[in-house]
């Protein structure tokens, strides 16, 4: 029995919210249960070669990321305030699972901070209505596009400084992996694959910002920590480059699957 992250494999054994009634069965099969994080297509998601971007960039030269940010702001109709005003992004289904109730509870606080936010996605009508109201009330801070748009998703990953994923649960997640590759620092709730792929920043190590409690206040604490670090350009660049050096390719995942298959084979066909 395999699922798409180690933390999610533990979560589905531990609580009905995750196990959906199968948690007791999964606990009995714990010795046969494993988790392997999904990989990403590093040819499609590569800021050095991405055809969707107005400018390419790499860990060796991040200058193209500023071009991508300026282009993204213009495409969403947001002003460029200049200086070090961070742009956060969300690409997501607009659904309860993805933590939009936390965003709903923090709209005014988000708008009060020295930051901007762009959101791309479709989903539950209540969140369409909420985000429309947010964008109308704070037109210089928040912009929304209700669509499934792969090219725009690439431009958001490249043009944003931060990427927000406050998921209620997340078996694996992919956007945090795209974000790391694109030098866009993830802010995530520490559940499922998000906990396995985003190491908490502590000043000397880590690749992003995490929070555990499912509450708007917990999310905003992480957002504020990210803003504090962003003000120091040197520390922020170090954080970006550390994330870009991570390997979350399918090659990495495939090696773990091969080890799993070999272990299964050895159990079924012991030597001797």
Protein backbone atom coordinates (compact mmCIF):
# COMPACT_ATOMS: atom_id res chain seq x y z
CA UNK A 1 0.00 0.00 0.00
CA UNK A 2 1.59 3.28 -1.07
CA UNK A 3 0.53 6.90 -0.99
CA UNK A 4 2.11 10.12 -2.19
CA UNK A 5 4.07 11.30 0.84
CA UNK A 6 5.45 9.89 4.06
CA UNK A 7 3.57 12.33 6.27
CA UNK A 8 0.27 11.59 4.53
CA UNK A 9 0.91 7.86 5.04
CA UNK A 10 1.13 8.57 8.77
CA UNK A 11 -1.86 10.93 8.76
CA UNK A 12 -4.26 8.44 7.14
CA UNK A 13 -3.53 5.99 9.96
CA UNK A 14 -3.93 8.50 12.74
CA UNK A 15 -7.18 10.41 12.38
CA UNK A 16 -10.61 9.92 10.78
CA UNK A 17 -10.29 13.32 9.07
CA UNK A 18 -7.48 11.85 6.96
CA UNK A 19 -8.27 8.12 7.02
CA UNK A 20 -11.94 8.61 6.11
CA UNK A 21 -12.97 5.51 8.05
CA UNK A 22 -10.06 3.37 6.85
CA UNK A 23 -7.62 4.51 9.55
CA UNK A 24 -8.06 1.31 11.62
CA UNK A 25 -7.45 -0.92 8.61
CA UNK A 26 -4.42 1.12 7.59
CA UNK A 27 -2.97 0.93 11.11
CA UNK A 28 -3.24 -2.87 10.97
CA UNK A 29 -1.38 -2.75 7.64
CA UNK A 30 1.22 -0.22 8.83
CA UNK A 31 4.13 -2.53 8.00
CA UNK A 32 2.93 -2.63 4.39
CA UNK A 33 2.19 1.09 4.10
CA UNK A 34 4.67 3.58 2.64
CA UNK A 35 4.72 7.06 1.16
CA UNK A 36 6.70 8.43 -1.79
CA UNK A 37 6.43 12.07 -2.80
CA UNK A 38 5.44 12.72 -6.41
CA UNK A 39 7.98 14.25 -8.74
CA UNK A 40 7.70 17.13 -11.20
CA UNK A 41 8.55 17.32 -14.89
CA UNK A 42 11.75 19.32 -14.75
CA UNK A 43 11.73 19.86 -18.50
CA UNK A 44 8.33 21.54 -18.47
CA UNK A 45 9.02 23.38 -15.23
CA UNK A 46 12.41 24.99 -15.76
CA UNK A 47 12.86 28.78 -15.46
CA UNK A 48 15.90 28.62 -17.77
CA UNK A 49 13.89 27.30 -20.73
CA UNK A 50 10.21 27.93 -19.90
CA UNK A 51 8.53 29.23 -23.11
CA UNK A 52 5.69 30.83 -21.11
CA UNK A 53 7.92 33.39 -19.40
CA UNK A 54 8.71 36.91 -20.63
CA UNK A 55 12.28 36.40 -19.39
CA UNK A 56 14.23 33.31 -18.38
CA UNK A 57 16.47 33.05 -15.35
CA UNK A 58 18.46 30.56 -13.30
CA UNK A 59 20.14 30.16 -9.95
CA UNK A 60 23.24 31.67 -11.55
CA UNK A 61 21.37 34.80 -12.68
CA UNK A 62 18.03 35.71 -11.08
CA UNK A 63 17.65 39.02 -12.92
CA UNK A 64 14.95 37.66 -15.24
CA UNK A 65 12.68 37.03 -12.25
CA UNK A 66 12.18 40.79 -11.78
CA UNK A 67 11.08 41.05 -15.43
CA UNK A 68 8.61 38.21 -14.83
CA UNK A 69 7.25 39.97 -11.74
CA UNK A 70 6.72 43.28 -13.53
CA UNK A 71 4.96 41.51 -16.43
CA UNK A 72 2.75 39.54 -14.02
CA UNK A 73 1.68 42.67 -12.15
CA UNK A 74 0.70 44.33 -15.43
CA UNK A 75 -1.23 41.28 -16.63
CA UNK A 76 -3.26 41.27 -13.39
CA UNK A 77 -3.77 45.03 -13.47
CA UNK A 78 -1.86 45.63 -10.25
CA UNK A 79 0.41 48.66 -9.82
CA UNK A 80 4.13 48.15 -9.38
CA UNK A 81 4.85 49.90 -6.08
CA UNK A 82 8.61 49.62 -6.58
CA UNK A 83 11.10 48.95 -3.84
CA UNK A 84 10.92 45.66 -1.98
CA UNK A 85 7.18 45.00 -1.97
CA UNK A 86 6.69 41.25 -2.25
CA UNK A 87 4.17 39.59 -4.52
CA UNK A 88 2.56 36.38 -3.26
CA UNK A 89 0.75 33.92 -5.50
CA UNK A 90 -1.83 31.16 -5.26
CA UNK A 91 -2.65 28.67 -8.04
CA UNK A 92 -5.31 26.32 -6.75
CA UNK A 93 -8.72 24.80 -6.84
CA UNK A 94 -10.89 27.23 -4.91
CA UNK A 95 -12.06 24.72 -2.34
CA UNK A 96 -12.30 24.11 1.40
CA UNK A 97 -9.45 21.60 1.20
CA UNK A 98 -7.07 24.29 -0.02
CA UNK A 99 -7.52 26.53 3.02
CA UNK A 100 -9.51 29.34 1.49
CA UNK A 101 -11.50 29.71 4.68
CA UNK A 102 -8.22 30.76 6.32
CA UNK A 103 -7.72 33.36 3.61
CA UNK A 104 -11.31 34.53 4.10
CA UNK A 105 -10.54 35.09 7.76
CA UNK A 106 -7.43 37.13 7.00
CA UNK A 107 -8.49 39.30 4.03
CA UNK A 108 -8.20 42.65 5.78
CA UNK A 109 -4.92 41.72 7.46
CA UNK A 110 -3.42 40.61 4.14
CA UNK A 111 -4.50 43.89 2.55
CA UNK A 112 -2.99 45.88 5.44
CA UNK A 113 0.48 44.41 4.93
CA UNK A 114 3.18 45.67 2.61
CA UNK A 115 2.54 42.96 0.01
CA UNK A 116 0.37 42.09 -3.00
CA UNK A 117 -1.47 38.88 -3.86
CA UNK A 118 -2.51 37.25 -7.14
CA UNK A 119 -4.79 34.21 -7.29
CA UNK A 120 -5.56 31.86 -10.17
CA UNK A 121 -8.14 29.09 -10.01
CA UNK A 122 -11.73 27.92 -10.20
CA UNK A 123 -13.90 26.07 -7.72
CA UNK A 124 -16.64 26.61 -5.16
CA UNK A 125 -18.90 29.57 -5.87
CA UNK A 126 -18.59 30.93 -2.33
CA UNK A 127 -14.87 31.44 -2.92
CA UNK A 128 -15.45 33.02 -6.33
CA UNK A 129 -17.73 35.50 -4.57
CA UNK A 130 -15.28 36.06 -1.72
CA UNK A 131 -12.30 36.68 -4.00
CA UNK A 132 -14.29 39.01 -6.25
CA UNK A 133 -15.16 41.10 -3.19
CA UNK A 134 -11.54 41.05 -2.03
CA UNK A 135 -10.23 42.23 -5.39
CA UNK A 136 -12.90 44.94 -5.69
CA UNK A 137 -12.20 46.30 -2.20
CA UNK A 138 -8.40 46.21 -2.51
CA UNK A 139 -7.69 46.74 -6.24
CA UNK A 140 -4.07 47.79 -5.66
CA UNK A 141 -3.30 44.82 -3.43
CA UNK A 142 -5.28 41.78 -4.60
CA UNK A 143 -6.12 40.46 -8.08
CA UNK A 144 -7.91 37.28 -9.14
CA UNK A 145 -8.30 35.32 -12.36
CA UNK A 146 -11.01 32.65 -12.45
CA UNK A 147 -9.64 30.19 -14.98
CA UNK A 148 -7.58 27.10 -15.59
CA UNK A 149 -4.60 28.58 -17.42
CA UNK A 150 -1.38 26.58 -17.56
CA UNK A 151 0.67 29.36 -19.15
CA UNK A 152 -0.45 31.85 -16.51
CA UNK A 153 0.33 29.30 -13.78
CA UNK A 154 3.92 29.21 -15.07
CA UNK A 155 4.10 33.00 -15.05
CA UNK A 156 2.78 33.16 -11.48
CA UNK A 157 5.40 30.68 -10.30
CA UNK A 158 8.10 32.76 -11.98
CA UNK A 159 6.82 36.26 -11.20
CA UNK A 160 5.93 35.86 -7.53
CA UNK A 161 8.28 36.17 -4.58
CA UNK A 162 6.22 33.86 -2.37
CA UNK A 163 3.67 31.11 -2.91
CA UNK A 164 0.88 30.46 -0.38
CA UNK A 165 -0.56 26.96 0.25
CA UNK A 166 -2.57 26.91 3.52
CA UNK A 167 -4.13 23.51 2.80
CA UNK A 168 -6.42 21.75 5.25
CA UNK A 169 -4.94 18.49 3.94
CA UNK A 170 -2.59 17.84 1.05
CA UNK A 171 -1.57 14.27 0.16
CA UNK A 172 1.38 15.54 -1.87
CA UNK A 173 1.04 18.91 -3.58
CA UNK A 174 2.95 20.01 -6.66
CA UNK A 175 2.88 23.80 -6.65
CA UNK A 176 5.27 24.02 -3.71
CA UNK A 177 7.72 21.94 -5.79
CA UNK A 178 7.32 24.22 -8.81
CA UNK A 179 7.82 27.18 -6.48
CA UNK A 180 11.07 25.84 -5.07
CA UNK A 181 12.40 25.28 -8.58
CA UNK A 182 11.43 28.81 -9.62
CA UNK A 183 12.95 30.56 -6.61
CA UNK A 184 9.51 31.43 -5.24
CA UNK A 185 9.54 30.78 -1.51
CA UNK A 186 6.62 28.60 -0.33
CA UNK A 187 4.50 29.39 2.73
CA UNK A 188 2.64 26.20 3.60
CA UNK A 189 0.69 24.42 6.26
CA UNK A 190 2.78 21.51 7.55
CA UNK A 191 0.53 18.67 6.40
CA UNK A 192 1.04 15.75 4.03
CA UNK A 193 3.49 16.32 1.24
CA UNK A 194 3.88 19.99 2.16
CA UNK A 195 5.55 18.94 5.42
CA UNK A 196 7.81 16.51 3.55
CA UNK A 197 9.00 18.94 0.87
CA UNK A 198 9.25 22.38 2.52
CA UNK A 199 11.87 22.54 5.27
CA UNK A 200 11.15 25.32 7.81
CA UNK A 201 13.45 28.33 7.55
CA UNK A 202 15.38 28.98 10.76
CA UNK A 203 17.92 31.55 9.64
CA UNK A 204 20.59 29.04 8.68
CA UNK A 205 18.68 26.30 6.88
CA UNK A 206 15.28 25.54 5.41
CA UNK A 207 13.52 26.28 2.14
CA UNK A 208 10.29 28.00 3.17
CA UNK A 209 7.86 28.90 5.95
CA UNK A 210 5.46 26.50 7.66
CA UNK A 211 2.64 26.61 10.19
CA UNK A 212 0.84 23.75 11.91
CA UNK A 213 -2.44 24.98 13.38
CA UNK A 214 -5.41 25.31 11.08
CA UNK A 215 -6.24 28.96 11.82
CA UNK A 216 -5.92 32.27 9.99
CA UNK A 217 -3.72 33.61 12.80
CA UNK A 218 -1.23 30.75 12.34
CA UNK A 219 -1.11 31.34 8.60
CA UNK A 220 -0.54 35.05 9.06
CA UNK A 221 2.27 34.46 11.56
CA UNK A 222 4.10 32.59 8.79
CA UNK A 223 3.31 35.31 6.25
CA UNK A 224 4.74 37.93 8.60
CA UNK A 225 7.88 35.86 9.19
CA UNK A 226 8.34 35.62 5.43
CA UNK A 227 7.90 39.39 5.06
CA UNK A 228 10.51 40.00 7.75
CA UNK A 229 13.06 37.87 5.92
CA UNK A 230 12.13 39.37 2.54
CA UNK A 231 13.21 42.80 3.76
CA UNK A 232 16.78 41.49 3.88
CA UNK A 233 17.67 40.95 0.21
CA UNK A 234 20.74 38.88 1.00
CA UNK A 235 18.95 36.46 3.30
CA UNK A 236 16.07 36.15 0.86
CA UNK A 237 18.36 35.33 -2.08
CA UNK A 238 20.11 32.66 -0.01
CA UNK A 239 16.70 31.16 0.78
CA UNK A 240 15.70 31.24 -2.89
CA UNK A 241 18.88 29.56 -4.04
CA UNK A 242 18.62 26.85 -1.41
CA UNK A 243 15.16 25.98 -2.71
CA UNK A 244 16.29 26.03 -6.33
CA UNK A 245 19.05 23.53 -5.51
CA UNK A 246 16.52 20.92 -4.35
CA UNK A 247 15.87 17.86 -6.52
CA UNK A 248 12.15 17.04 -6.68
CA UNK A 249 12.29 15.43 -10.12
CA UNK A 250 10.59 12.20 -11.12
CA UNK A 251 14.07 10.66 -11.29
CA UNK A 252 14.30 11.07 -7.53
CA UNK A 253 10.84 9.60 -6.95
CA UNK A 254 11.49 6.74 -9.40
CA UNK A 255 14.56 5.64 -7.46
CA UNK A 256 12.42 5.35 -4.33
CA UNK A 257 9.76 3.37 -6.24
CA UNK A 258 12.42 0.99 -7.49
CA UNK A 259 13.61 0.40 -3.91
CA UNK A 260 10.01 -0.24 -2.86
CA UNK A 261 9.45 -2.73 -5.69
CA UNK A 262 12.71 -4.54 -4.90
CA UNK A 263 11.71 -4.83 -1.24
CA UNK A 264 8.29 -6.23 -2.21
CA UNK A 265 9.94 -8.70 -4.58
CA UNK A 266 12.38 -9.80 -1.89
CA UNK A 267 9.51 -10.45 0.53
CA UNK A 268 7.64 -12.51 -2.07
CA UNK A 269 10.72 -14.34 -3.38
CA UNK A 270 13.23 -14.73 -0.54
CA UNK A 271 16.62 -16.03 -1.58
CA UNK A 272 17.59 -19.56 -0.81
